[in-house]
Amino acid sequence: MREIAREKDQVGLRAQTIDRLDRAFECGGAEGVGRALATEIGLFARRQGIRRVVIKTFARNESALAFWQRIGFRPRMVQMVADARRLSGGAT
């Protein structure tokens, strides 16, 4: 019975979240939705006792990087990739 009530609460929370996202999009477009999602993630994390939220985006996605930085994210690590053939001098 507790599990059913919990699921009902989660569905209610999801409906409230979707309603807030709809309003955020109407007011602020994609950035409004991004901010609303970040707020929901922050609230969820705090309720769970999580202290830090980590996001990933592509280095060349400058608009996403700028958005995340505007709302408080800061670079912490840099992930770099290289083609194995190039690293090995092109040998097979």
C-alpha atoms as a PDB file:
ATOM      1  CA  MET A   1       0.000   0.000   0.000  1.00  0.00           C
ATOM      2  CA  ARG A   2       2.864   2.378   0.833  1.00  0.00           C
ATOM      3  CA  GLU A   3       4.405   1.670  -2.557  1.00  0.00           C
ATOM      4  CA  ILE A   4       1.166   2.600  -4.348  1.00  0.00           C
ATOM      5  CA  ALA A   5       0.932   5.872  -2.415  1.00  0.00           C
ATOM      6  CA  ARG A   6       4.548   6.595  -3.221  1.00  0.00           C
ATOM      7  CA  GLU A   7       3.947   5.991  -6.933  1.00  0.00           C
ATOM      8  CA  LYS A   8       0.881   8.260  -6.826  1.00  0.00           C
ATOM      9  CA  ASP A   9       2.988  11.010  -5.203  1.00  0.00           C
ATOM     10  CA  GLN A  10       5.626  10.595  -7.899  1.00  0.00           C
ATOM     11  CA  VAL A  11       3.025  10.860 -10.658  1.00  0.00           C
ATOM     12  CA  GLY A  12       1.645  14.005  -9.002  1.00  0.00           C
ATOM     13  CA  LEU A  13       5.143  15.438  -8.775  1.00  0.00           C
ATOM     14  CA  ARG A  14       5.768  14.654 -12.437  1.00  0.00           C
ATOM     15  CA  ALA A  15       2.516  16.371 -13.450  1.00  0.00           C
ATOM     16  CA  GLN A  16       3.451  19.455 -11.415  1.00  0.00           C
ATOM     17  CA  THR A  17       6.921  19.457 -12.961  1.00  0.00           C
ATOM     18  CA  ILE A  18       5.530  19.200 -16.497  1.00  0.00           C
ATOM     19  CA  ASP A  19       3.122  22.058 -15.776  1.00  0.00           C
ATOM     20  CA  ARG A  20       6.002  24.220 -14.508  1.00  0.00           C
ATOM     21  CA  LEU A  21       8.081  23.347 -17.582  1.00  0.00           C
ATOM     22  CA  ASP A  22       5.214  24.310 -19.884  1.00  0.00           C
ATOM     23  CA  ARG A  23       4.916  27.680 -18.153  1.00  0.00           C
ATOM     24  CA  ALA A  24       8.703  28.115 -18.226  1.00  0.00           C
ATOM     25  CA  PHE A  25       8.754  27.526 -21.979  1.00  0.00           C
ATOM     26  CA  GLU A  26       5.961  30.045 -22.521  1.00  0.00           C
ATOM     27  CA  CYS A  27       7.860  32.663 -20.500  1.00  0.00           C
ATOM     28  CA  GLY A  28      11.454  32.004 -21.450  1.00  0.00           C
ATOM     29  CA  GLY A  29      11.661  29.585 -24.352  1.00  0.00           C
ATOM     30  CA  ALA A  30      14.324  26.889 -24.258  1.00  0.00           C
ATOM     31  CA  GLU A  31      16.381  28.757 -21.675  1.00  0.00           C
ATOM     32  CA  GLY A  32      13.315  28.999 -19.428  1.00  0.00           C
ATOM     33  CA  VAL A  33      12.880  25.241 -19.665  1.00  0.00           C
ATOM     34  CA  GLY A  34      16.582  24.701 -18.966  1.00  0.00           C
ATOM     35  CA  ARG A  35      16.399  26.849 -15.867  1.00  0.00           C
ATOM     36  CA  ALA A  36      13.207  25.099 -14.722  1.00  0.00           C
ATOM     37  CA  LEU A  37      14.827  21.677 -15.206  1.00  0.00           C
ATOM     38  CA  ALA A  38      17.930  22.800 -13.324  1.00  0.00           C
ATOM     39  CA  THR A  39      15.736  24.014 -10.464  1.00  0.00           C
ATOM     40  CA  GLU A  40      13.897  20.682 -10.321  1.00  0.00           C
ATOM     41  CA  ILE A  41      17.188  18.787 -10.379  1.00  0.00           C
ATOM     42  CA  GLY A  42      18.538  20.986  -7.580  1.00  0.00           C
ATOM     43  CA  LEU A  43      15.420  20.460  -5.450  1.00  0.00           C
ATOM     44  CA  PHE A  44      15.544  16.705  -6.020  1.00  0.00           C
ATOM     45  CA  ALA A  45      19.252  16.558  -5.182  1.00  0.00           C
ATOM     46  CA  ARG A  46      18.768  18.510  -1.952  1.00  0.00           C
ATOM     47  CA  ARG A  47      15.883  16.243  -0.871  1.00  0.00           C
ATOM     48  CA  GLN A  48      18.148  13.244  -1.455  1.00  0.00           C
ATOM     49  CA  GLY A  49      21.071  14.765   0.447  1.00  0.00           C
ATOM     50  CA  ILE A  50      23.134  15.166  -2.721  1.00  0.00           C
ATOM     51  CA  ARG A  51      25.557  18.075  -2.476  1.00  0.00           C
ATOM     52  CA  ARG A  52      26.883  18.338  -6.027  1.00  0.00           C
ATOM     53  CA  VAL A  53      25.270  17.992  -9.456  1.00  0.00           C
ATOM     54  CA  VAL A  54      27.427  17.100 -12.458  1.00  0.00           C
ATOM     55  CA  ILE A  55      26.416  17.689 -16.075  1.00  0.00           C
ATOM     56  CA  LYS A  56      28.155  16.807 -19.317  1.00  0.00           C
ATOM     57  CA  THR A  57      27.987  18.524 -22.672  1.00  0.00           C
ATOM     58  CA  PHE A  58      30.181  18.613 -25.738  1.00  0.00           C
ATOM     59  CA  ALA A  59      33.092  21.064 -25.663  1.00  0.00           C
ATOM     60  CA  ARG A  60      32.022  22.572 -28.993  1.00  0.00           C
ATOM     61  CA  ASN A  61      28.476  23.242 -27.757  1.00  0.00           C
ATOM     62  CA  GLU A  62      29.275  26.802 -26.754  1.00  0.00           C
ATOM     63  CA  SER A  63      25.679  27.852 -26.135  1.00  0.00           C
ATOM     64  CA  ALA A  64      25.148  24.956 -23.708  1.00  0.00           C
ATOM     65  CA  LEU A  65      28.430  25.695 -21.936  1.00  0.00           C
ATOM     66  CA  ALA A  66      27.474  29.357 -21.600  1.00  0.00           C
ATOM     67  CA  PHE A  67      24.016  28.438 -20.270  1.00  0.00           C
ATOM     68  CA  TRP A  68      25.330  26.029 -17.639  1.00  0.00           C
ATOM     69  CA  GLN A  69      27.897  28.589 -16.524  1.00  0.00           C
ATOM     70  CA  ARG A  70      25.237  31.315 -16.267  1.00  0.00           C
ATOM     71  CA  ILE A  71      23.247  29.215 -13.824  1.00  0.00           C
ATOM     72  CA  GLY A  72      26.214  28.336 -11.635  1.00  0.00           C
ATOM     73  CA  PHE A  73      28.094  25.368 -13.076  1.00  0.00           C
ATOM     74  CA  ARG A  74      31.872  25.653 -13.301  1.00  0.00           C
ATOM     75  CA  PRO A  75      34.356  23.491 -15.228  1.00  0.00           C
ATOM     76  CA  ARG A  76      35.964  20.899 -12.995  1.00  0.00           C
ATOM     77  CA  MET A  77      37.533  18.320 -15.295  1.00  0.00           C
ATOM     78  CA  VAL A  78      38.419  18.196 -18.954  1.00  0.00           C
ATOM     79  CA  GLN A  79      37.926  14.991 -20.897  1.00  0.00           C
ATOM     80  CA  MET A  80      40.101  14.668 -23.970  1.00  0.00           C
ATOM     81  CA  VAL A  81      39.914  12.077 -26.732  1.00  0.00           C
ATOM     82  CA  ALA A  82      42.269  11.024 -29.501  1.00  0.00           C
ATOM     83  CA  ASP A  83      42.126   8.572 -32.362  1.00  0.00           C
ATOM     84  CA  ALA A  84      44.174   5.481 -31.450  1.00  0.00           C
ATOM     85  CA  ARG A  85      45.637   5.181 -34.954  1.00  0.00           C
ATOM     86  CA  ARG A  86      46.919   8.741 -34.821  1.00  0.00           C
ATOM     87  CA  LEU A  87      48.485   8.135 -31.422  1.00  0.00           C
ATOM     88  CA  SER A  88      50.225   5.017 -32.678  1.00  0.00           C
ATOM     89  CA  GLY A  89      51.685   6.819 -35.693  1.00  0.00           C
ATOM     90  CA  GLY A  90      49.136   5.346 -38.101  1.00  0.00           C
ATOM     91  CA  ALA A  91      50.572   1.821 -37.782  1.00  0.00           C
ATOM     92  CA  THR A  92      48.121  -1.089 -37.828  1.00  0.00           C
END
